[in-house]
All heavy atoms as atom14 arrays in JSON, in Angstrom:
{
  "sequence": "AYPGFLLRQLFDMYEEHFLVLDDGTGRLRGYVLAATRALGADSWI",
  "atom14_mask": [
    [1, 1, 1, 1, 1, 0, 0, 0, 0, 0, 0, 0, 0, 0],
    [1, 1, 1, 1, 1, 1, 1, 1, 1, 1, 1, 1, 0, 0],
    [1, 1, 1, 1, 1, 1, 1, 0, 0, 0, 0, 0, 0, 0],
    [1, 1, 1, 1, 0, 0, 0, 0, 0, 0, 0, 0, 0, 0],
    [1, 1, 1, 1, 1, 1, 1, 1, 1, 1, 1, 0, 0, 0],
    [1, 1, 1, 1, 1, 1, 1, 1, 0, 0, 0, 0, 0, 0],
    [1, 1, 1, 1, 1, 1, 1, 1, 0, 0, 0, 0, 0, 0],
    [1, 1, 1, 1, 1, 1, 1, 1, 1, 1, 1, 0, 0, 0],
    [1, 1, 1, 1, 1, 1, 1, 1, 1, 0, 0, 0, 0, 0],
    [1, 1, 1, 1, 1, 1, 1, 1, 0, 0, 0, 0, 0, 0],
    [1, 1, 1, 1, 1, 1, 1, 1, 1, 1, 1, 0, 0, 0],
    [1, 1, 1, 1, 1, 1, 1, 1, 0, 0, 0, 0, 0, 0],
    [1, 1, 1, 1, 1, 1, 1, 1, 0, 0, 0, 0, 0, 0],
    [1, 1, 1, 1, 1, 1, 1, 1, 1, 1, 1, 1, 0, 0],
    [1, 1, 1, 1, 1, 1, 1, 1, 1, 0, 0, 0, 0, 0],
    [1, 1, 1, 1, 1, 1, 1, 1, 1, 0, 0, 0, 0, 0],
    [1, 1, 1, 1, 1, 1, 1, 1, 1, 1, 0, 0, 0, 0],
    [1, 1, 1, 1, 1, 1, 1, 1, 1, 1, 1, 0, 0, 0],
    [1, 1, 1, 1, 1, 1, 1, 1, 0, 0, 0, 0, 0, 0],
    [1, 1, 1, 1, 1, 1, 1, 0, 0, 0, 0, 0, 0, 0],
    [1, 1, 1, 1, 1, 1, 1, 1, 0, 0, 0, 0, 0, 0],
    [1, 1, 1, 1, 1, 1, 1, 1, 0, 0, 0, 0, 0, 0],
    [1, 1, 1, 1, 1, 1, 1, 1, 0, 0, 0, 0, 0, 0],
    [1, 1, 1, 1, 0, 0, 0, 0, 0, 0, 0, 0, 0, 0],
    [1, 1, 1, 1, 1, 1, 1, 0, 0, 0, 0, 0, 0, 0],
    [1, 1, 1, 1, 0, 0, 0, 0, 0, 0, 0, 0, 0, 0],
    [1, 1, 1, 1, 1, 1, 1, 1, 1, 1, 1, 0, 0, 0],
    [1, 1, 1, 1, 1, 1, 1, 1, 0, 0, 0, 0, 0, 0],
    [1, 1, 1, 1, 1, 1, 1, 1, 1, 1, 1, 0, 0, 0],
    [1, 1, 1, 1, 0, 0, 0, 0, 0, 0, 0, 0, 0, 0],
    [1, 1, 1, 1, 1, 1, 1, 1, 1, 1, 1, 1, 0, 0],
    [1, 1, 1, 1, 1, 1, 1, 0, 0, 0, 0, 0, 0, 0],
    [1, 1, 1, 1, 1, 1, 1, 1, 0, 0, 0, 0, 0, 0],
    [1, 1, 1, 1, 1, 0, 0, 0, 0, 0, 0, 0, 0, 0],
    [1, 1, 1, 1, 1, 0, 0, 0, 0, 0, 0, 0, 0, 0],
    [1, 1, 1, 1, 1, 1, 1, 0, 0, 0, 0, 0, 0, 0],
    [1, 1, 1, 1, 1, 1, 1, 1, 1, 1, 1, 0, 0, 0],
    [1, 1, 1, 1, 1, 0, 0, 0, 0, 0, 0, 0, 0, 0],
    [1, 1, 1, 1, 1, 1, 1, 1, 0, 0, 0, 0, 0, 0],
    [1, 1, 1, 1, 0, 0, 0, 0, 0, 0, 0, 0, 0, 0],
    [1, 1, 1, 1, 1, 0, 0, 0, 0, 0, 0, 0, 0, 0],
    [1, 1, 1, 1, 1, 1, 1, 1, 0, 0, 0, 0, 0, 0],
    [1, 1, 1, 1, 1, 1, 0, 0, 0, 0, 0, 0, 0, 0],
    [1, 1, 1, 1, 1, 1, 1, 1, 1, 1, 1, 1, 1, 1],
    [1, 1, 1, 1, 1, 1, 1, 1, 0, 0, 0, 0, 0, 0]
  ],
  "atom14_positions": [
    [[0.87, -1.21, 0.0], [-0.04, 0.05, 0.02], [0.86, 1.28, -0.07], [2.02, 1.27, 0.51], [-1.0, -0.02, 1.16], [0.0, 0.0, 0.0], [0.0, 0.0, 0.0], [0.0, 0.0, 0.0], [0.0, 0.0, 0.0], [0.0, 0.0, 0.0], [0.0, 0.0, 0.0], [0.0, 0.0, 0.0], [0.0, 0.0, 0.0], [0.0, 0.0, 0.0]],
    [[0.31, 2.28, -0.66], [1.04, 3.55, -0.52], [1.12, 4.16, 0.81], [0.13, 4.18, 1.56], [0.36, 4.54, -1.43], [0.49, 4.42, -2.92], [-0.57, 4.15, -3.68], [1.75, 4.27, -3.56], [-0.46, 3.82, -5.01], [1.93, 4.09, -4.85], [0.68, 3.91, -5.6], [0.85, 3.63, -7.0], [0.0, 0.0, 0.0], [0.0, 0.0, 0.0]],
    [[2.24, 4.67, 1.2], [2.42, 5.33, 2.48], [1.36, 6.61, 2.44], [1.24, 7.14, 1.31], [3.87, 5.87, 2.61], [4.57, 5.05, 1.65], [3.61, 4.58, 0.49], [0.0, 0.0, 0.0], [0.0, 0.0, 0.0], [0.0, 0.0, 0.0], [0.0, 0.0, 0.0], [0.0, 0.0, 0.0], [0.0, 0.0, 0.0], [0.0, 0.0, 0.0]],
    [[0.86, 6.99, 3.59], [-0.09, 8.08, 3.66], [0.36, 9.39, 2.97], [-0.31, 10.05, 2.21], [0.0, 0.0, 0.0], [0.0, 0.0, 0.0], [0.0, 0.0, 0.0], [0.0, 0.0, 0.0], [0.0, 0.0, 0.0], [0.0, 0.0, 0.0], [0.0, 0.0, 0.0], [0.0, 0.0, 0.0], [0.0, 0.0, 0.0], [0.0, 0.0, 0.0]],
    [[1.66, 9.75, 3.16], [2.22, 10.99, 2.59], [2.27, 10.93, 1.07], [2.11, 11.94, 0.46], [3.65, 11.25, 3.23], [4.7, 10.42, 2.73], [5.39, 10.83, 1.61], [5.07, 9.26, 3.36], [6.43, 10.06, 1.12], [6.02, 8.5, 2.92], [6.84, 8.87, 1.66], [0.0, 0.0, 0.0], [0.0, 0.0, 0.0], [0.0, 0.0, 0.0]],
    [[2.6, 9.71, 0.57], [2.63, 9.57, -0.79], [1.28, 9.59, -1.51], [1.0, 10.31, -2.51], [3.36, 8.29, -1.25], [3.66, 8.13, -2.74], [4.29, 9.33, -3.34], [4.3, 6.79, -2.96], [0.0, 0.0, 0.0], [0.0, 0.0, 0.0], [0.0, 0.0, 0.0], [0.0, 0.0, 0.0], [0.0, 0.0, 0.0], [0.0, 0.0, 0.0]],
    [[0.29, 8.92, -0.83], [-1.05, 9.03, -1.33], [-1.63, 10.38, -1.32], [-2.18, 10.81, -2.37], [-1.99, 8.17, -0.42], [-3.29, 7.76, -1.07], [-3.1, 6.86, -2.28], [-3.93, 6.96, 0.01], [0.0, 0.0, 0.0], [0.0, 0.0, 0.0], [0.0, 0.0, 0.0], [0.0, 0.0, 0.0], [0.0, 0.0, 0.0], [0.0, 0.0, 0.0]],
    [[-1.17, 11.28, -0.4], [-1.6, 12.67, -0.4], [-0.89, 13.37, -1.54], [-1.71, 14.17, -2.23], [-1.18, 13.21, 0.94], [-1.23, 14.73, 1.04], [-2.7, 15.21, 0.87], [-2.77, 16.54, 0.4], [-3.65, 17.35, 0.9], [-4.53, 17.07, 1.86], [-3.86, 18.57, 0.4], [0.0, 0.0, 0.0], [0.0, 0.0, 0.0], [0.0, 0.0, 0.0]],
    [[0.27, 13.26, -1.85], [1.03, 13.89, -2.87], [0.45, 13.36, -4.22], [0.32, 14.29, -5.14], [2.38, 13.75, -2.86], [3.01, 14.48, -1.49], [4.45, 14.21, -1.37], [5.09, 13.2, -1.67], [5.15, 15.26, -0.83], [0.0, 0.0, 0.0], [0.0, 0.0, 0.0], [0.0, 0.0, 0.0], [0.0, 0.0, 0.0], [0.0, 0.0, 0.0]],
    [[0.22, 12.21, -4.38], [-0.4, 11.75, -5.64], [-1.78, 12.33, -5.85], [-2.12, 12.64, -6.9], [-0.56, 10.15, -5.55], [0.75, 9.24, -5.62], [0.44, 7.84, -5.3], [1.4, 9.6, -7.0], [0.0, 0.0, 0.0], [0.0, 0.0, 0.0], [0.0, 0.0, 0.0], [0.0, 0.0, 0.0], [0.0, 0.0, 0.0], [0.0, 0.0, 0.0]],
    [[-2.63, 12.47, -4.8], [-3.87, 13.16, -5.04], [-3.55, 14.7, -5.47], [-4.3, 15.12, -6.34], [-4.59, 13.11, -3.71], [-5.72, 14.11, -3.61], [-6.95, 13.73, -4.13], [-5.77, 15.36, -3.05], [-8.03, 14.56, -4.09], [-6.75, 16.24, -3.07], [-7.95, 15.82, -3.57], [0.0, 0.0, 0.0], [0.0, 0.0, 0.0], [0.0, 0.0, 0.0]],
    [[-2.62, 15.26, -4.74], [-2.44, 16.65, -5.17], [-1.94, 16.83, -6.65], [-2.31, 17.74, -7.25], [-1.32, 17.23, -4.29], [-1.83, 17.63, -2.88], [-3.1, 17.62, -2.6], [-0.92, 17.74, -1.96], [0.0, 0.0, 0.0], [0.0, 0.0, 0.0], [0.0, 0.0, 0.0], [0.0, 0.0, 0.0], [0.0, 0.0, 0.0], [0.0, 0.0, 0.0]],
    [[-1.17, 15.86, -7.09], [-0.68, 15.89, -8.46], [-1.65, 15.43, -9.61], [-1.58, 15.99, -10.66], [0.62, 15.2, -8.51], [1.7, 15.74, -7.83], [3.27, 14.79, -7.93], [3.61, 14.97, -9.62], [0.0, 0.0, 0.0], [0.0, 0.0, 0.0], [0.0, 0.0, 0.0], [0.0, 0.0, 0.0], [0.0, 0.0, 0.0], [0.0, 0.0, 0.0]],
    [[-2.51, 14.48, -9.24], [-3.25, 13.75, -10.25], [-4.72, 13.72, -9.96], [-5.44, 12.76, -10.4], [-2.77, 12.36, -10.51], [-1.23, 12.31, -10.79], [-0.33, 11.84, -9.92], [-0.76, 12.91, -11.89], [1.05, 11.71, -10.18], [0.63, 12.99, -12.2], [1.48, 12.41, -11.24], [2.76, 12.41, -11.66], [0.0, 0.0, 0.0], [0.0, 0.0, 0.0]],
    [[-5.21, 14.77, -9.19], [-6.58, 14.74, -8.85], [-7.57, 14.48, -9.82], [-8.68, 13.73, -9.65], [-6.89, 16.04, -8.19], [-8.27, 16.33, -7.62], [-8.44, 17.66, -7.08], [-7.54, 18.47, -6.94], [-9.58, 17.89, -6.52], [0.0, 0.0, 0.0], [0.0, 0.0, 0.0], [0.0, 0.0, 0.0], [0.0, 0.0, 0.0], [0.0, 0.0, 0.0]],
    [[-7.46, 15.04, -11.1], [-8.36, 14.85, -12.1], [-8.52, 13.48, -12.72], [-9.42, 13.11, -13.34], [-8.1, 16.01, -13.31], [-6.95, 15.73, -14.03], [-5.62, 16.17, -13.44], [-5.6, 16.75, -12.28], [-4.49, 16.13, -14.02], [0.0, 0.0, 0.0], [0.0, 0.0, 0.0], [0.0, 0.0, 0.0], [0.0, 0.0, 0.0], [0.0, 0.0, 0.0]],
    [[-7.47, 12.69, -12.4], [-7.37, 11.25, -12.75], [-7.45, 10.29, -11.6], [-6.89, 9.2, -11.69], [-6.25, 11.03, -13.75], [-6.33, 11.75, -14.96], [-5.2, 12.54, -15.41], [-7.23, 12.01, -15.84], [-5.51, 13.11, -16.54], [-6.83, 12.72, -16.83], [0.0, 0.0, 0.0], [0.0, 0.0, 0.0], [0.0, 0.0, 0.0], [0.0, 0.0, 0.0]],
    [[-8.01, 10.75, -10.44], [-8.1, 9.95, -9.28], [-9.73, 9.74, -9.09], [-10.32, 10.74, -8.57], [-7.36, 10.74, -8.08], [-6.99, 9.91, -6.99], [-5.9, 10.28, -6.21], [-7.6, 8.52, -6.79], [-5.42, 9.4, -5.18], [-7.1, 7.74, -5.72], [-5.98, 8.2, -4.84], [0.0, 0.0, 0.0], [0.0, 0.0, 0.0], [0.0, 0.0, 0.0]],
    [[-10.22, 8.54, -9.42], [-11.59, 8.31, -9.36], [-11.94, 7.36, -8.28], [-11.25, 6.36, -7.92], [-12.13, 7.85, -10.67], [-11.76, 8.62, -11.88], [-12.22, 8.13, -13.19], [-12.15, 10.11, -11.82], [0.0, 0.0, 0.0], [0.0, 0.0, 0.0], [0.0, 0.0, 0.0], [0.0, 0.0, 0.0], [0.0, 0.0, 0.0], [0.0, 0.0, 0.0]],
    [[-13.1, 7.5, -7.55], [-13.47, 6.61, -6.54], [-14.96, 6.03, -6.72], [-15.7, 6.66, -7.49], [-13.38, 7.36, -5.18], [-11.91, 7.73, -4.91], [-14.29, 8.59, -5.16], [0.0, 0.0, 0.0], [0.0, 0.0, 0.0], [0.0, 0.0, 0.0], [0.0, 0.0, 0.0], [0.0, 0.0, 0.0], [0.0, 0.0, 0.0], [0.0, 0.0, 0.0]],
    [[-15.19, 4.93, -6.09], [-16.52, 4.42, -5.94], [-17.01, 4.64, -4.54], [-16.39, 4.09, -3.63], [-16.48, 2.9, -6.25], [-16.14, 2.4, -7.74], [-16.03, 0.99, -7.76], [-17.32, 2.95, -8.61], [0.0, 0.0, 0.0], [0.0, 0.0, 0.0], [0.0, 0.0, 0.0], [0.0, 0.0, 0.0], [0.0, 0.0, 0.0], [0.0, 0.0, 0.0]],
    [[-17.94, 5.53, -4.38], [-18.57, 5.89, -3.08], [-19.8, 5.15, -2.91], [-20.72, 5.33, -3.72], [-18.75, 7.49, -3.26], [-19.16, 8.04, -1.87], [-19.64, 7.36, -0.91], [-19.07, 9.27, -1.75], [0.0, 0.0, 0.0], [0.0, 0.0, 0.0], [0.0, 0.0, 0.0], [0.0, 0.0, 0.0], [0.0, 0.0, 0.0], [0.0, 0.0, 0.0]],
    [[-19.99, 4.6, -1.68], [-21.18, 3.78, -1.39], [-22.26, 4.73, -0.72], [-23.39, 4.26, -0.37], [-21.02, 2.45, -0.7], [-20.56, 2.69, 0.79], [-20.51, 3.85, 1.26], [-20.3, 1.72, 1.33], [0.0, 0.0, 0.0], [0.0, 0.0, 0.0], [0.0, 0.0, 0.0], [0.0, 0.0, 0.0], [0.0, 0.0, 0.0], [0.0, 0.0, 0.0]],
    [[-21.87, 5.89, -0.53], [-22.77, 6.86, 0.22], [-22.91, 6.85, 1.82], [-23.56, 7.6, 2.39], [0.0, 0.0, 0.0], [0.0, 0.0, 0.0], [0.0, 0.0, 0.0], [0.0, 0.0, 0.0], [0.0, 0.0, 0.0], [0.0, 0.0, 0.0], [0.0, 0.0, 0.0], [0.0, 0.0, 0.0], [0.0, 0.0, 0.0], [0.0, 0.0, 0.0]],
    [[-22.12, 5.83, 2.26], [-22.02, 5.58, 3.78], [-20.73, 6.2, 4.4], [-20.56, 6.07, 5.57], [-22.16, 4.19, 4.21], [-20.97, 3.55, 3.83], [-23.35, 3.6, 3.43], [0.0, 0.0, 0.0], [0.0, 0.0, 0.0], [0.0, 0.0, 0.0], [0.0, 0.0, 0.0], [0.0, 0.0, 0.0], [0.0, 0.0, 0.0], [0.0, 0.0, 0.0]],
    [[-19.94, 6.76, 3.59], [-18.6, 7.28, 4.11], [-17.52, 6.31, 3.71], [-16.34, 6.41, 4.09], [0.0, 0.0, 0.0], [0.0, 0.0, 0.0], [0.0, 0.0, 0.0], [0.0, 0.0, 0.0], [0.0, 0.0, 0.0], [0.0, 0.0, 0.0], [0.0, 0.0, 0.0], [0.0, 0.0, 0.0], [0.0, 0.0, 0.0], [0.0, 0.0, 0.0]],
    [[-17.81, 5.11, 3.12], [-16.89, 4.13, 2.94], [-16.62, 4.1, 1.27], [-17.64, 4.11, 0.54], [-17.16, 2.86, 3.33], [-17.19, 2.68, 4.84], [-17.47, 1.35, 5.38], [-16.46, 0.26, 4.9], [-15.37, -0.04, 5.47], [-14.88, 0.65, 6.53], [-14.68, -0.95, 5.03], [0.0, 0.0, 0.0], [0.0, 0.0, 0.0], [0.0, 0.0, 0.0]],
    [[-15.44, 4.11, 0.9], [-15.13, 3.98, -0.5], [-15.05, 2.44, -0.88], [-14.41, 1.67, 0.01], [-13.89, 4.74, -0.9], [-13.87, 6.35, -0.65], [-12.62, 6.84, -0.99], [-15.14, 6.85, -1.47], [0.0, 0.0, 0.0], [0.0, 0.0, 0.0], [0.0, 0.0, 0.0], [0.0, 0.0, 0.0], [0.0, 0.0, 0.0], [0.0, 0.0, 0.0]],
    [[-15.41, 2.01, -1.97], [-15.39, 0.58, -2.37], [-14.41, 0.35, -3.51], [-14.22, -0.71, -3.88], [-16.82, 0.16, -2.82], [-17.85, 0.3, -1.74], [-17.41, -0.5, -0.46], [-18.46, -0.41, 0.43], [-18.61, -1.12, 1.39], [-17.78, -2.28, 1.54], [-19.53, -1.11, 2.36], [0.0, 0.0, 0.0], [0.0, 0.0, 0.0], [0.0, 0.0, 0.0]],
    [[-13.72, 1.42, -4.0], [-12.71, 1.18, -4.98], [-12.25, 2.59, -5.53], [-12.82, 3.61, -5.16], [0.0, 0.0, 0.0], [0.0, 0.0, 0.0], [0.0, 0.0, 0.0], [0.0, 0.0, 0.0], [0.0, 0.0, 0.0], [0.0, 0.0, 0.0], [0.0, 0.0, 0.0], [0.0, 0.0, 0.0], [0.0, 0.0, 0.0], [0.0, 0.0, 0.0]],
    [[-11.09, 2.42, -6.18], [-10.48, 3.58, -6.82], [-9.57, 3.25, -8.05], [-9.28, 2.16, -8.11], [-9.71, 4.47, -5.84], [-8.32, 4.0, -5.52], [-7.26, 4.3, -6.4], [-8.06, 3.24, -4.3], [-6.0, 3.88, -6.07], [-6.72, 3.0, -4.09], [-5.72, 3.21, -4.87], [-4.47, 2.75, -4.59], [0.0, 0.0, 0.0], [0.0, 0.0, 0.0]],
    [[-9.35, 4.23, -8.84], [-8.36, 4.26, -9.85], [-7.53, 5.44, -9.87], [-8.14, 6.51, -9.63], [-9.03, 3.8, -11.28], [-9.83, 4.97, -11.72], [-7.82, 3.53, -12.37], [0.0, 0.0, 0.0], [0.0, 0.0, 0.0], [0.0, 0.0, 0.0], [0.0, 0.0, 0.0], [0.0, 0.0, 0.0], [0.0, 0.0, 0.0], [0.0, 0.0, 0.0]],
    [[-6.23, 5.31, -10.06], [-5.44, 6.47, -10.16], [-4.45, 6.42, -11.44], [-3.82, 5.41, -11.47], [-4.52, 6.57, -8.9], [-3.42, 7.57, -8.85], [-3.89, 8.98, -8.92], [-2.62, 7.34, -7.53], [0.0, 0.0, 0.0], [0.0, 0.0, 0.0], [0.0, 0.0, 0.0], [0.0, 0.0, 0.0], [0.0, 0.0, 0.0], [0.0, 0.0, 0.0]],
    [[-4.46, 7.41, -12.17], [-3.63, 7.63, -13.28], [-2.79, 8.67, -13.26], [-3.26, 9.81, -12.88], [-4.43, 7.66, -14.6], [0.0, 0.0, 0.0], [0.0, 0.0, 0.0], [0.0, 0.0, 0.0], [0.0, 0.0, 0.0], [0.0, 0.0, 0.0], [0.0, 0.0, 0.0], [0.0, 0.0, 0.0], [0.0, 0.0, 0.0], [0.0, 0.0, 0.0]],
    [[-1.47, 8.56, -13.51], [-0.51, 9.69, -13.38], [0.0, 10.02, -14.93], [0.23, 9.12, -15.69], [0.79, 9.28, -12.56], [0.0, 0.0, 0.0], [0.0, 0.0, 0.0], [0.0, 0.0, 0.0], [0.0, 0.0, 0.0], [0.0, 0.0, 0.0], [0.0, 0.0, 0.0], [0.0, 0.0, 0.0], [0.0, 0.0, 0.0], [0.0, 0.0, 0.0]],
    [[-0.02, 11.24, -15.23], [0.45, 11.74, -16.51], [1.72, 12.48, -16.38], [2.04, 13.08, -15.37], [-0.68, 12.59, -17.17], [-0.91, 13.7, -16.32], [-1.93, 11.79, -17.46], [0.0, 0.0, 0.0], [0.0, 0.0, 0.0], [0.0, 0.0, 0.0], [0.0, 0.0, 0.0], [0.0, 0.0, 0.0], [0.0, 0.0, 0.0], [0.0, 0.0, 0.0]],
    [[2.59, 12.44, -17.44], [3.83, 13.23, -17.46], [3.48, 14.67, -17.81], [2.61, 14.92, -18.61], [4.75, 12.57, -18.44], [5.21, 11.2, -18.22], [6.21, 10.67, -19.05], [6.6, 9.37, -18.7], [7.4, 8.66, -19.28], [8.06, 9.12, -20.36], [7.77, 7.47, -18.84], [0.0, 0.0, 0.0], [0.0, 0.0, 0.0], [0.0, 0.0, 0.0]],
    [[4.2, 15.51, -17.22], [3.99, 16.94, -17.53], [4.35, 17.29, -18.98], [3.66, 18.01, -19.67], [4.9, 17.86, -16.68], [0.0, 0.0, 0.0], [0.0, 0.0, 0.0], [0.0, 0.0, 0.0], [0.0, 0.0, 0.0], [0.0, 0.0, 0.0], [0.0, 0.0, 0.0], [0.0, 0.0, 0.0], [0.0, 0.0, 0.0], [0.0, 0.0, 0.0]],
    [[5.34, 16.64, -19.54], [5.77, 16.73, -21.0], [5.61, 15.39, -21.65], [5.99, 14.36, -21.13], [7.12, 17.19, -21.11], [7.44, 18.54, -20.52], [8.99, 18.84, -20.54], [6.8, 19.69, -21.07], [0.0, 0.0, 0.0], [0.0, 0.0, 0.0], [0.0, 0.0, 0.0], [0.0, 0.0, 0.0], [0.0, 0.0, 0.0], [0.0, 0.0, 0.0]],
    [[4.83, 15.41, -22.72], [4.56, 14.06, -23.43], [3.19, 13.6, -23.3], [2.24, 14.27, -22.64], [0.0, 0.0, 0.0], [0.0, 0.0, 0.0], [0.0, 0.0, 0.0], [0.0, 0.0, 0.0], [0.0, 0.0, 0.0], [0.0, 0.0, 0.0], [0.0, 0.0, 0.0], [0.0, 0.0, 0.0], [0.0, 0.0, 0.0], [0.0, 0.0, 0.0]],
    [[2.96, 12.54, -23.85], [1.52, 12.05, -23.97], [1.4, 10.73, -23.36], [0.68, 9.77, -23.89], [1.0, 12.06, -25.37], [0.0, 0.0, 0.0], [0.0, 0.0, 0.0], [0.0, 0.0, 0.0], [0.0, 0.0, 0.0], [0.0, 0.0, 0.0], [0.0, 0.0, 0.0], [0.0, 0.0, 0.0], [0.0, 0.0, 0.0], [0.0, 0.0, 0.0]],
    [[2.16, 10.42, -22.25], [2.13, 9.08, -21.7], [1.39, 9.16, -20.27], [1.54, 10.18, -19.54], [3.54, 8.64, -21.41], [4.32, 8.16, -22.71], [3.65, 8.36, -23.82], [5.39, 7.62, -22.62], [0.0, 0.0, 0.0], [0.0, 0.0, 0.0], [0.0, 0.0, 0.0], [0.0, 0.0, 0.0], [0.0, 0.0, 0.0], [0.0, 0.0, 0.0]],
    [[0.95, 8.06, -19.84], [0.39, 7.9, -18.56], [0.61, 6.59, -18.05], [0.77, 5.59, -18.82], [-1.28, 8.08, -18.77], [-1.82, 8.04, -17.41], [0.0, 0.0, 0.0], [0.0, 0.0, 0.0], [0.0, 0.0, 0.0], [0.0, 0.0, 0.0], [0.0, 0.0, 0.0], [0.0, 0.0, 0.0], [0.0, 0.0, 0.0], [0.0, 0.0, 0.0]],
    [[0.55, 6.48, -16.61], [0.62, 5.16, -15.91], [-0.58, 5.02, -15.02], [-0.92, 6.01, -14.32], [1.98, 5.18, -15.11], [3.14, 4.77, -15.79], [4.01, 5.56, -16.51], [3.71, 3.44, -15.99], [5.01, 4.88, -17.1], [5.02, 3.59, -16.79], [3.38, 2.21, -15.41], [5.71, 2.56, -17.06], [4.31, 1.15, -15.78], [5.36, 1.27, -16.55]],
    [[-1.13, 3.8, -14.95], [-2.16, 3.57, -14.01], [-1.43, 3.18, -12.78], [-0.68, 2.2, -12.71], [-3.16, 2.46, -14.54], [-3.82, 2.76, -15.77], [-3.98, 2.02, -13.36], [-4.76, 3.96, -15.74], [0.0, 0.0, 0.0], [0.0, 0.0, 0.0], [0.0, 0.0, 0.0], [0.0, 0.0, 0.0], [0.0, 0.0, 0.0], [0.0, 0.0, 0.0]]
  ]
}
């Protein structure tokens, strides 16, 4: 698992490609995170 500080920084950098499944009770049931390069047209899940 990602350390908390890294998860925070990944959120800050890639928020628009950080998607979650919310069950409405305060619990998330899934997520996907994609990172893109500042220069170029590549991405990593």
